[in-house]
Amino acid sequence: MPMLRPPDLVTVGAIGTLMDQRPGGYWGVRFEAMTVLVDEAYLAVADLEPEIS
């Protein structure tokens, strides 16, 4: 059953893995400690490629 979580469980800038898309513009995102629903307005593509200098 879904439940509201405190806002400090996932830090801003944390990188997670998209698990599934839910109705209403929400995505299931797997972070290190848990999977949470995130509104797509708060998601961005992470650049994980190392910079070559």
PDB file of N, CA and C in Angstrom:
ATOM      1  N   MET A   1       0.842  -1.173   0.000  1.00  0.00           N
ATOM      2  CA  MET A   1       0.000   0.000   0.000  1.00  0.00           C
ATOM      3  C   MET A   1       0.890   1.240   0.000  1.00  0.00           C
ATOM      4  N   PRO A   2       0.633   2.231  -0.897  1.00  0.00           N
ATOM      5  CA  PRO A   2       1.435   3.453  -0.929  1.00  0.00           C
ATOM      6  C   PRO A   2       1.292   4.255   0.364  1.00  0.00           C
ATOM      7  N   MET A   3       2.347   4.955   0.714  1.00  0.00           N
ATOM      8  CA  MET A   3       2.313   5.805   1.902  1.00  0.00           C
ATOM      9  C   MET A   3       3.168   7.045   1.670  1.00  0.00           C
ATOM     10  N   LEU A   4       2.810   8.125   2.344  1.00  0.00           N
ATOM     11  CA  LEU A   4       3.610   9.347   2.237  1.00  0.00           C
ATOM     12  C   LEU A   4       4.914   9.144   3.000  1.00  0.00           C
ATOM     13  N   ARG A   5       5.982   9.659   2.452  1.00  0.00           N
ATOM     14  CA  ARG A   5       7.299   9.527   3.065  1.00  0.00           C
ATOM     15  C   ARG A   5       7.826  10.914   3.422  1.00  0.00           C
ATOM     16  N   PRO A   6       8.699  11.000   4.423  1.00  0.00           N
ATOM     17  CA  PRO A   6       9.318  12.290   4.737  1.00  0.00           C
ATOM     18  C   PRO A   6      10.154  12.774   3.547  1.00  0.00           C
ATOM     19  N   PRO A   7      10.261  14.086   3.352  1.00  0.00           N
ATOM     20  CA  PRO A   7      10.956  14.608   2.172  1.00  0.00           C
ATOM     21  C   PRO A   7      12.471  14.458   2.203  1.00  0.00           C
ATOM     22  N   ASP A   8      13.055  14.038   3.321  1.00  0.00           N
ATOM     23  CA  ASP A   8      14.517  13.967   3.413  1.00  0.00           C
ATOM     24  C   ASP A   8      15.077  12.561   3.186  1.00  0.00           C
ATOM     25  N   LEU A   9      14.287  11.625   2.712  1.00  0.00           N
ATOM     26  CA  LEU A   9      14.773  10.263   2.482  1.00  0.00           C
ATOM     27  C   LEU A   9      15.631  10.154   1.222  1.00  0.00           C
ATOM     28  N   VAL A  10      15.342  10.988   0.222  1.00  0.00           N
ATOM     29  CA  VAL A  10      16.118  11.006  -1.014  1.00  0.00           C
ATOM     30  C   VAL A  10      16.651  12.418  -1.190  1.00  0.00           C
ATOM     31  N   THR A  11      17.968  12.562  -1.333  1.00  0.00           N
ATOM     32  CA  THR A  11      18.566  13.884  -1.464  1.00  0.00           C
ATOM     33  C   THR A  11      18.425  14.404  -2.892  1.00  0.00           C
ATOM     34  N   VAL A  12      18.412  15.712  -3.031  1.00  0.00           N
ATOM     35  CA  VAL A  12      18.367  16.342  -4.348  1.00  0.00           C
ATOM     36  C   VAL A  12      19.638  15.971  -5.097  1.00  0.00           C
ATOM     37  N   GLY A  13      19.493  15.522  -6.315  1.00  0.00           N
ATOM     38  CA  GLY A  13      20.645  15.122  -7.118  1.00  0.00           C
ATOM     39  C   GLY A  13      20.962  13.641  -7.019  1.00  0.00           C
ATOM     40  N   ALA A  14      20.218  12.890  -6.207  1.00  0.00           N
ATOM     41  CA  ALA A  14      20.447  11.451  -6.097  1.00  0.00           C
ATOM     42  C   ALA A  14      20.155  10.790  -7.442  1.00  0.00           C
ATOM     43  N   ILE A  15      20.922   9.773  -7.779  1.00  0.00           N
ATOM     44  CA  ILE A  15      20.758   9.066  -9.047  1.00  0.00           C
ATOM     45  C   ILE A  15      20.086   7.731  -8.775  1.00  0.00           C
ATOM     46  N   GLY A  16      19.010   7.473  -9.513  1.00  0.00           N
ATOM     47  CA  GLY A  16      18.277   6.226  -9.360  1.00  0.00           C
ATOM     48  C   GLY A  16      18.011   5.599 -10.711  1.00  0.00           C
ATOM     49  N   THR A  17      17.342   4.458 -10.688  1.00  0.00           N
ATOM     50  CA  THR A  17      17.007   3.716 -11.894  1.00  0.00           C
ATOM     51  C   THR A  17      15.492   3.704 -12.071  1.00  0.00           C
ATOM     52  N   LEU A  18      15.029   4.076 -13.267  1.00  0.00           N
ATOM     53  CA  LEU A  18      13.595   4.039 -13.540  1.00  0.00           C
ATOM     54  C   LEU A  18      13.146   2.586 -13.592  1.00  0.00           C
ATOM     55  N   MET A  19      12.108   2.276 -12.837  1.00  0.00           N
ATOM     56  CA  MET A  19      11.593   0.913 -12.794  1.00  0.00           C
ATOM     57  C   MET A  19      10.325   0.770 -13.633  1.00  0.00           C
ATOM     58  N   ASP A  20       9.385   1.719 -13.489  1.00  0.00           N
ATOM     59  CA  ASP A  20       8.145   1.646 -14.241  1.00  0.00           C
ATOM     60  C   ASP A  20       7.450   2.994 -14.256  1.00  0.00           C
ATOM     61  N   GLN A  21       6.517   3.150 -15.206  1.00  0.00           N
ATOM     62  CA  GLN A  21       5.730   4.377 -15.309  1.00  0.00           C
ATOM     63  C   GLN A  21       4.358   4.118 -14.721  1.00  0.00           C
ATOM     64  N   ARG A  22       3.862   5.084 -13.939  1.00  0.00           N
ATOM     65  CA  ARG A  22       2.550   4.962 -13.306  1.00  0.00           C
ATOM     66  C   ARG A  22       1.619   6.032 -13.857  1.00  0.00           C
ATOM     67  N   PRO A  23       0.319   5.844 -13.703  1.00  0.00           N
ATOM     68  CA  PRO A  23      -0.626   6.864 -14.171  1.00  0.00           C
ATOM     69  C   PRO A  23      -0.415   8.204 -13.468  1.00  0.00           C
ATOM     70  N   GLY A  24      -0.761   9.280 -14.156  1.00  0.00           N
ATOM     71  CA  GLY A  24      -0.683  10.607 -13.562  1.00  0.00           C
ATOM     72  C   GLY A  24       0.687  11.245 -13.646  1.00  0.00           C
ATOM     73  N   GLY A  25       1.577  10.696 -14.458  1.00  0.00           N
ATOM     74  CA  GLY A  25       2.897  11.296 -14.623  1.00  0.00           C
ATOM     75  C   GLY A  25       3.878  10.943 -13.522  1.00  0.00           C
ATOM     76  N   TYR A  26       3.684   9.812 -12.868  1.00  0.00           N
ATOM     77  CA  TYR A  26       4.607   9.373 -11.818  1.00  0.00           C
ATOM     78  C   TYR A  26       5.440   8.203 -12.313  1.00  0.00           C
ATOM     79  N   TRP A  27       6.656   8.097 -11.785  1.00  0.00           N
ATOM     80  CA  TRP A  27       7.563   7.015 -12.130  1.00  0.00           C
ATOM     81  C   TRP A  27       8.030   6.330 -10.860  1.00  0.00           C
ATOM     82  N   GLY A  28       8.161   5.014 -10.919  1.00  0.00           N
ATOM     83  CA  GLY A  28       8.791   4.267  -9.839  1.00  0.00           C
ATOM     84  C   GLY A  28      10.292   4.346 -10.050  1.00  0.00           C
ATOM     85  N   VAL A  29      11.007   4.882  -9.070  1.00  0.00           N
ATOM     86  CA  VAL A  29      12.459   5.062  -9.194  1.00  0.00           C
ATOM     87  C   VAL A  29      13.139   4.314  -8.053  1.00  0.00           C
ATOM     88  N   ARG A  30      14.090   3.450  -8.405  1.00  0.00           N
ATOM     89  CA  ARG A  30      14.846   2.673  -7.415  1.00  0.00           C
ATOM     90  C   ARG A  30      16.109   3.434  -7.045  1.00  0.00           C
ATOM     91  N   PHE A  31      16.201   3.784  -5.763  1.00  0.00           N
ATOM     92  CA  PHE A  31      17.408   4.406  -5.224  1.00  0.00           C
ATOM     93  C   PHE A  31      18.147   3.366  -4.392  1.00  0.00           C
ATOM     94  N   GLU A  32      19.243   3.740  -3.772  1.00  0.00           N
ATOM     95  CA  GLU A  32      20.054   2.805  -3.007  1.00  0.00           C
ATOM     96  C   GLU A  32      19.256   2.086  -1.925  1.00  0.00           C
ATOM     97  N   ALA A  33      18.441   2.819  -1.196  1.00  0.00           N
ATOM     98  CA  ALA A  33      17.773   2.240  -0.029  1.00  0.00           C
ATOM     99  C   ALA A  33      16.341   1.809  -0.282  1.00  0.00           C
ATOM    100  N   MET A  34      15.687   2.354  -1.317  1.00  0.00           N
ATOM    101  CA  MET A  34      14.261   2.077  -1.497  1.00  0.00           C
ATOM    102  C   MET A  34      13.803   2.463  -2.889  1.00  0.00           C
ATOM    103  N   THR A  35      12.598   2.047  -3.225  1.00  0.00           N
ATOM    104  CA  THR A  35      11.938   2.471  -4.456  1.00  0.00           C
ATOM    105  C   THR A  35      10.818   3.419  -4.076  1.00  0.00           C
ATOM    106  N   VAL A  36      10.746   4.563  -4.760  1.00  0.00           N
ATOM    107  CA  VAL A  36       9.723   5.566  -4.457  1.00  0.00           C
ATOM    108  C   VAL A  36       9.065   6.036  -5.746  1.00  0.00           C
ATOM    109  N   LEU A  37       7.865   6.612  -5.620  1.00  0.00           N
ATOM    110  CA  LEU A  37       7.196   7.248  -6.749  1.00  0.00           C
ATOM    111  C   LEU A  37       7.638   8.697  -6.820  1.00  0.00           C
ATOM    112  N   VAL A  38       8.009   9.149  -8.018  1.00  0.00           N
ATOM    113  CA  VAL A  38       8.491  10.511  -8.215  1.00  0.00           C
ATOM    114  C   VAL A  38       7.703  11.127  -9.366  1.00  0.00           C
ATOM    115  N   ASP A  39       7.241  12.351  -9.180  1.00  0.00           N
ATOM    116  CA  ASP A  39       6.566  13.079 -10.251  1.00  0.00           C
ATOM    117  C   ASP A  39       7.586  13.362 -11.350  1.00  0.00           C
ATOM    118  N   GLU A  40       7.172  13.178 -12.605  1.00  0.00           N
ATOM    119  CA  GLU A  40       8.116  13.347 -13.710  1.00  0.00           C
ATOM    120  C   GLU A  40       8.678  14.762 -13.812  1.00  0.00           C
ATOM    121  N   ALA A  41       8.029  15.737 -13.198  1.00  0.00           N
ATOM    122  CA  ALA A  41       8.546  17.109 -13.202  1.00  0.00           C
ATOM    123  C   ALA A  41       9.863  17.204 -12.432  1.00  0.00           C
ATOM    124  N   TYR A  42      10.140  16.261 -11.560  1.00  0.00           N
ATOM    125  CA  TYR A  42      11.351  16.289 -10.741  1.00  0.00           C
ATOM    126  C   TYR A  42      12.442  15.363 -11.257  1.00  0.00           C
ATOM    127  N   LEU A  43      12.251  14.781 -12.429  1.00  0.00           N
ATOM    128  CA  LEU A  43      13.233  13.867 -13.000  1.00  0.00           C
ATOM    129  C   LEU A  43      14.043  14.548 -14.091  1.00  0.00           C
ATOM    130  N   ALA A  44      15.299  14.143 -14.212  1.00  0.00           N
ATOM    131  CA  ALA A  44      16.174  14.632 -15.277  1.00  0.00           C
ATOM    132  C   ALA A  44      17.121  13.499 -15.658  1.00  0.00           C
ATOM    133  N   VAL A  45      17.634  13.548 -16.862  1.00  0.00           N
ATOM    134  CA  VAL A  45      18.580  12.541 -17.323  1.00  0.00           C
ATOM    135  C   VAL A  45      19.936  12.824 -16.689  1.00  0.00           C
ATOM    136  N   ALA A  46      20.542  11.788 -16.118  1.00  0.00           N
ATOM    137  CA  ALA A  46      21.867  11.927 -15.497  1.00  0.00           C
ATOM    138  C   ALA A  46      22.943  11.609 -16.525  1.00  0.00           C
ATOM    139  N   ASP A  47      23.990  12.401 -16.536  1.00  0.00           N
ATOM    140  CA  ASP A  47      25.132  12.166 -17.414  1.00  0.00           C
ATOM    141  C   ASP A  47      26.166  11.375 -16.620  1.00  0.00           C
ATOM    142  N   LEU A  48      26.271  10.082 -16.895  1.00  0.00           N
ATOM    143  CA  LEU A  48      27.167   9.218 -16.130  1.00  0.00           C
ATOM    144  C   LEU A  48      28.497   8.970 -16.829  1.00  0.00           C
ATOM    145  N   GLU A  49      28.675   9.521 -18.028  1.00  0.00           N
ATOM    146  CA  GLU A  49      29.922   9.343 -18.752  1.00  0.00           C
ATOM    147  C   GLU A  49      31.031  10.188 -18.136  1.00  0.00           C
ATOM    148  N   PRO A  50      32.196   9.581 -17.868  1.00  0.00           N
ATOM    149  CA  PRO A  50      33.303  10.377 -17.310  1.00  0.00           C
ATOM    150  C   PRO A  50      33.847  11.351 -18.360  1.00  0.00           C
ATOM    151  N   GLU A  51      34.262  12.525 -17.892  1.00  0.00           N
ATOM    152  CA  GLU A  51      34.849  13.507 -18.812  1.00  0.00           C
ATOM    153  C   GLU A  51      36.258  13.104 -19.173  1.00  0.00           C
ATOM    154  N   ILE A  52      36.588  13.210 -20.454  1.00  0.00           N
ATOM    155  CA  ILE A  52      37.935  12.888 -20.935  1.00  0.00           C
ATOM    156  C   ILE A  52      38.672  14.208 -21.083  1.00  0.00           C
ATOM    157  N   SER A  53      39.810  14.319 -20.369  1.00  0.00           N
ATOM    158  CA  SER A  53      40.550  15.576 -20.483  1.00  0.00           C
ATOM    159  C   SER A  53      41.824  15.412 -21.231  1.00  0.00           C
TER     160      SER A  53
END
